[in-house]
Amino acid sequence: MLKHRVLVIIKFIAFFTVLFIAIQFLPVWLLQTNPPLRNEPVWDSPQTRAIARRACFDCHSNETVWPLYTRIAPVSWLVTFDVIRGRRHLNFSEWRRAGGTKGEPGISADEVIATIAKGDMPPGSYLKMHPQAKLSAVERQQLMQGLAASLK
């Protein structure tokens, strides 16, 4: 009976080890790019850009920092697709105001500021791995005021 349990556990571990190795061959990390900056906002101050860079740019710009762990599946899948989704929604490197250009929808400065004011950004899941992105109340207020001046 004990031998059977040990054998089942060994098979279980072997299966998941092989599966873990196999999923590494799905190179989602090839999508981890940083295209050139195309249309960055005119920032009202270097401080606003610095706070935005620390709290927002990893998901909402073409200046994403891709740590080594983002090349290991399944973490690579989660991070890569979060960044792709974040850039689609708001990309400070390709800033477009509401209405956009060439028919592309934009996001308004008011939407960005409201999301920050509600505390939805940066998200808690991101802050767990990036505590330096956590904003104090003063920094959050500075960022919202700076974005209001920069993005309108």
Protein backbone atom coordinates (compact mmCIF):
# COMPACT_ATOMS: atom_id res chain seq x y z
CA MET A 1 0.00 0.00 0.00
CA LEU A 2 2.79 2.42 0.92
CA LYS A 3 4.75 1.47 -2.21
CA HIS A 4 1.68 2.23 -4.31
CA ARG A 5 1.30 5.72 -2.77
CA VAL A 6 4.98 6.47 -3.29
CA LEU A 7 4.73 5.31 -6.90
CA VAL A 8 1.68 7.52 -7.48
CA ILE A 9 3.47 10.52 -5.97
CA ILE A 10 6.57 9.89 -8.10
CA LYS A 11 4.43 9.62 -11.26
CA PHE A 12 2.58 12.79 -10.31
CA ILE A 13 5.83 14.72 -9.79
CA ALA A 14 7.33 13.30 -12.99
CA PHE A 15 4.25 14.25 -15.02
CA PHE A 16 4.25 17.84 -13.79
CA THR A 17 8.01 18.15 -14.23
CA VAL A 18 7.72 17.02 -17.86
CA LEU A 19 4.73 19.33 -18.35
CA PHE A 20 6.65 22.28 -16.85
CA ILE A 21 9.60 21.61 -19.17
CA ALA A 22 7.31 21.19 -22.18
CA ILE A 23 5.52 24.51 -21.68
CA GLN A 24 8.86 26.30 -21.77
CA PHE A 25 8.90 25.58 -25.52
CA LEU A 26 5.90 27.87 -26.03
CA PRO A 27 7.94 31.06 -26.48
CA VAL A 28 5.37 33.64 -25.44
CA TRP A 29 8.26 35.77 -24.21
CA LEU A 30 9.04 36.51 -27.87
CA LEU A 31 6.10 38.91 -27.65
CA GLN A 32 7.93 40.84 -24.93
CA THR A 33 9.00 43.80 -26.99
CA ASN A 34 9.55 47.48 -26.40
CA PRO A 35 8.64 49.25 -29.64
CA PRO A 36 10.04 52.74 -30.20
CA LEU A 37 8.40 55.71 -28.51
CA ARG A 38 5.99 57.36 -30.93
CA ASN A 39 3.96 60.02 -29.21
CA GLU A 40 4.76 60.50 -25.54
CA PRO A 41 2.81 63.22 -23.73
CA VAL A 42 4.48 66.53 -22.98
CA TRP A 43 4.98 66.06 -19.26
CA ASP A 44 4.31 69.03 -16.99
CA SER A 45 7.38 68.16 -14.90
CA PRO A 46 10.12 65.55 -14.60
CA GLN A 47 8.55 64.54 -11.26
CA THR A 48 5.26 63.58 -12.90
CA ARG A 49 7.05 61.45 -15.46
CA ALA A 50 9.21 59.85 -12.75
CA ILE A 51 6.18 58.87 -10.66
CA ALA A 52 4.32 57.60 -13.75
CA ARG A 53 7.41 55.66 -14.82
CA ARG A 54 7.71 53.99 -11.42
CA ALA A 55 4.01 53.16 -11.02
CA CYS A 56 2.63 52.84 -14.56
CA PHE A 57 5.23 52.36 -17.29
CA ASP A 58 5.84 48.62 -16.93
CA CYS A 59 2.34 47.92 -18.25
CA HIS A 60 1.37 51.20 -19.90
CA SER A 61 4.36 52.19 -22.05
CA ASN A 62 6.90 50.85 -24.50
CA GLU A 63 9.53 51.10 -21.74
CA THR A 64 8.58 47.88 -19.95
CA VAL A 65 11.23 46.30 -17.77
CA TRP A 66 11.14 42.54 -18.44
CA PRO A 67 12.73 40.73 -15.46
CA LEU A 68 14.19 37.27 -16.00
CA TYR A 69 11.24 35.54 -14.34
CA THR A 70 8.99 36.84 -17.15
CA ARG A 71 10.65 34.33 -19.50
CA ILE A 72 9.56 31.30 -17.49
CA ALA A 73 6.15 29.79 -18.30
CA PRO A 74 3.48 30.07 -17.06
CA VAL A 75 4.52 33.39 -15.46
CA SER A 76 5.62 34.62 -18.90
CA TRP A 77 2.11 34.08 -20.23
CA LEU A 78 0.47 36.07 -17.46
CA VAL A 79 2.90 38.98 -17.52
CA THR A 80 3.12 39.23 -21.31
CA PHE A 81 -0.62 39.28 -21.83
CA ASP A 82 -1.14 41.73 -18.94
CA VAL A 83 1.32 44.12 -20.59
CA ILE A 84 -0.28 43.67 -24.03
CA ARG A 85 -3.71 44.38 -22.53
CA GLY A 86 -2.38 47.34 -20.51
CA ARG A 87 -0.73 48.90 -23.56
CA ARG A 88 -3.91 48.49 -25.60
CA HIS A 89 -5.90 50.33 -22.97
CA LEU A 90 -3.36 53.08 -22.23
CA ASN A 91 0.12 53.52 -23.65
CA PHE A 92 2.06 56.60 -22.58
CA SER A 93 4.56 55.92 -25.40
CA GLU A 94 1.79 56.20 -27.98
CA TRP A 95 -0.44 58.72 -26.27
CA ARG A 96 -3.70 59.63 -27.98
CA ARG A 97 -6.35 61.81 -26.46
CA ALA A 98 -10.04 60.89 -26.50
CA GLY A 99 -11.10 60.42 -30.11
CA GLY A 100 -7.63 59.29 -31.09
CA THR A 101 -6.16 59.63 -34.54
CA LYS A 102 -6.96 57.69 -37.69
CA GLY A 103 -10.19 56.52 -36.07
CA GLU A 104 -8.41 54.80 -33.18
CA PRO A 105 -10.16 55.22 -29.87
CA GLY A 106 -8.25 57.06 -27.22
CA ILE A 107 -8.54 57.24 -23.47
CA SER A 108 -9.21 60.55 -21.82
CA ALA A 109 -7.06 62.08 -19.12
CA ASP A 110 -10.15 62.10 -16.89
CA GLU A 111 -10.47 58.31 -17.19
CA VAL A 112 -6.82 57.82 -16.29
CA ILE A 113 -7.08 60.14 -13.28
CA ALA A 114 -10.35 58.57 -12.08
CA THR A 115 -8.79 55.09 -12.20
CA ILE A 116 -5.83 56.26 -10.12
CA ALA A 117 -8.12 58.13 -7.70
CA LYS A 118 -10.18 54.96 -7.08
CA GLY A 119 -6.98 53.13 -6.19
CA ASP A 120 -7.41 50.64 -9.05
CA MET A 121 -3.95 51.43 -10.40
CA PRO A 122 -1.38 50.21 -9.88
CA PRO A 123 -3.16 46.91 -9.12
CA GLY A 124 -2.41 44.97 -5.95
CA SER A 125 -1.14 41.95 -7.88
CA TYR A 126 1.52 44.15 -9.50
CA LEU A 127 2.47 45.79 -6.20
CA LYS A 128 3.22 42.40 -4.62
CA MET A 129 6.11 41.88 -7.05
CA HIS A 130 6.98 45.58 -7.43
CA PRO A 131 6.68 47.29 -4.03
CA GLN A 132 8.58 50.31 -5.37
CA ALA A 133 5.49 51.12 -7.48
CA LYS A 134 3.34 51.69 -4.39
CA LEU A 135 2.33 55.33 -4.20
CA SER A 136 1.88 57.32 -1.01
CA ALA A 137 -1.19 59.53 -0.77
CA VAL A 138 0.98 62.55 -1.59
CA GLU A 139 2.54 60.83 -4.62
CA ARG A 140 -0.89 59.69 -5.84
CA GLN A 141 -2.15 63.28 -5.61
CA GLN A 142 0.97 64.62 -7.37
CA LEU A 143 0.55 62.04 -10.14
CA MET A 144 -3.12 62.90 -10.67
CA GLN A 145 -2.41 66.64 -10.75
CA GLY A 146 0.57 66.14 -13.04
CA LEU A 147 -1.40 63.90 -15.41
CA ALA A 148 -4.23 66.43 -15.49
CA ALA A 149 -1.73 69.10 -16.58
CA SER A 150 0.20 66.82 -18.94
CA LEU A 151 -2.56 64.95 -20.73
CA LYS A 152 -5.15 67.65 -21.36
